[in-house]
Amino acid sequence: MHINPISLGGASAEAVSGMGTVAAKVGEGSFGSVIQKFVTDTNAQQAQADQAVQKLATGETDSIHETMLAMAKADLSLRVFVEVQSKVVDAYQEVMRMQM
């Protein structure tokens, strides 16, 4: 599963620690660029998991442990991203209610 950066439709221990990196860079760039980096990182985790599954299925590797780890990282990355997206939408809706 790959994420379309435009739709924001959807992070690993690395991804969660990457959240700190993304959060630390908030002051360095626009909100859009931070979200774009987060989408790119999440998409990379998904691609790595897909590649690990492909290698296991074709017999290039026999490490089920590494494959499951890559899949867990991708799953966590996606879950964190969906939660962040939900919080952003909630915040936007709250701001829109205040303006009325």
Protein backbone atom coordinates (compact mmCIF):
# COMPACT_ATOMS: atom_id res chain seq x y z
CA MET A 1 0.00 0.00 0.00
CA HIS A 2 1.45 3.33 -1.04
CA ILE A 3 0.29 6.70 0.20
CA ASN A 4 -0.61 9.48 -2.14
CA PRO A 5 0.95 12.65 -0.69
CA ILE A 6 -1.81 14.77 -2.16
CA SER A 7 -4.69 12.98 -0.46
CA LEU A 8 -2.98 12.59 2.92
CA GLY A 9 -4.82 9.27 3.08
CA GLY A 10 -2.30 7.73 5.37
CA ALA A 11 5.57 4.74 11.10
CA SER A 12 8.12 1.63 12.93
CA ALA A 13 10.23 2.47 15.84
CA GLU A 14 12.20 4.45 13.29
CA ALA A 15 9.03 6.19 12.15
CA VAL A 16 7.98 7.08 15.66
CA SER A 17 11.44 8.37 16.40
CA GLY A 18 11.14 10.06 13.02
CA MET A 19 8.10 11.84 14.44
CA GLY A 20 10.47 13.56 16.84
CA THR A 21 12.62 14.50 13.88
CA VAL A 22 9.59 15.82 12.03
CA ALA A 23 8.44 17.70 15.12
CA ALA A 24 11.91 19.16 15.60
CA LYS A 25 11.89 20.46 12.05
CA VAL A 26 8.58 22.30 12.44
CA GLY A 27 10.46 25.52 13.07
CA GLU A 28 12.65 24.90 10.03
CA GLY A 29 9.95 24.80 7.37
CA SER A 30 6.33 25.29 6.57
CA PHE A 31 3.64 23.03 7.92
CA GLY A 32 3.12 21.68 4.41
CA SER A 33 6.75 20.68 4.04
CA VAL A 34 6.68 18.90 7.41
CA ILE A 35 3.57 16.96 6.38
CA GLN A 36 5.14 16.19 3.00
CA LYS A 37 8.23 14.72 4.74
CA PHE A 38 6.00 12.69 7.03
CA VAL A 39 4.08 11.32 4.03
CA THR A 40 7.34 10.50 2.24
CA ASP A 41 8.75 8.69 5.29
CA THR A 42 5.54 6.72 5.78
CA ASN A 43 5.48 5.78 2.11
CA ALA A 44 9.10 4.60 2.33
CA GLN A 45 8.19 2.31 5.25
CA GLN A 46 5.33 0.85 3.19
CA ALA A 47 7.65 0.28 0.22
CA GLN A 48 10.24 -1.45 2.42
CA ALA A 49 7.57 -3.76 3.82
CA ASP A 50 6.32 -4.56 0.31
CA GLN A 51 9.87 -5.33 -0.80
CA ALA A 52 10.49 -7.57 2.23
CA VAL A 53 7.31 -9.54 1.55
CA GLN A 54 8.25 -9.86 -2.12
CA LYS A 55 11.71 -11.20 -1.22
CA LEU A 56 10.22 -13.71 1.21
CA ALA A 57 7.65 -14.85 -1.34
CA THR A 58 10.24 -15.33 -4.09
CA GLY A 59 12.69 -17.11 -1.80
CA GLU A 60 15.40 -14.45 -1.97
CA THR A 61 15.38 -14.46 1.82
CA ASP A 62 14.15 -16.88 4.43
CA SER A 63 14.08 -14.40 7.28
CA ILE A 64 10.49 -14.29 8.44
CA HIS A 65 11.65 -12.21 11.40
CA GLU A 66 12.94 -9.37 9.20
CA THR A 67 9.83 -9.48 7.03
CA MET A 68 7.50 -9.31 10.02
CA LEU A 69 9.58 -6.49 11.49
CA ALA A 70 9.32 -4.48 8.25
CA MET A 71 5.56 -5.08 8.16
CA ALA A 72 5.18 -4.01 11.79
CA LYS A 73 7.16 -0.84 11.13
CA ALA A 74 5.00 -0.01 8.14
CA ASP A 75 1.82 -0.70 10.11
CA LEU A 76 2.91 1.51 12.99
CA SER A 77 3.96 4.23 10.57
CA LEU A 78 0.57 4.20 8.90
CA ARG A 79 -1.31 4.20 12.21
CA VAL A 80 0.66 7.19 13.48
CA PHE A 81 0.06 9.01 10.22
CA VAL A 82 -3.69 8.37 10.34
CA GLU A 83 -3.82 9.67 13.92
CA VAL A 84 -1.91 12.81 12.96
CA GLN A 85 -4.23 13.33 10.01
CA SER A 86 -7.25 12.93 12.28
CA LYS A 87 -5.89 15.48 14.75
CA VAL A 88 -5.20 17.97 11.95
CA VAL A 89 -8.73 17.59 10.60
CA ASP A 90 -10.17 17.97 14.12
CA ALA A 91 -8.14 21.12 14.68
CA TYR A 92 -9.26 22.55 11.34
CA GLN A 93 -12.90 21.86 12.15
CA GLU A 94 -12.51 23.50 15.56
CA VAL A 95 -11.00 26.63 13.98
CA MET A 96 -13.85 26.76 11.47
CA ARG A 97 -16.41 26.61 14.31
CA MET A 98 -14.69 29.50 16.11
CA GLN A 99 -14.97 31.79 13.10
CA MET A 100 -18.75 31.65 13.03
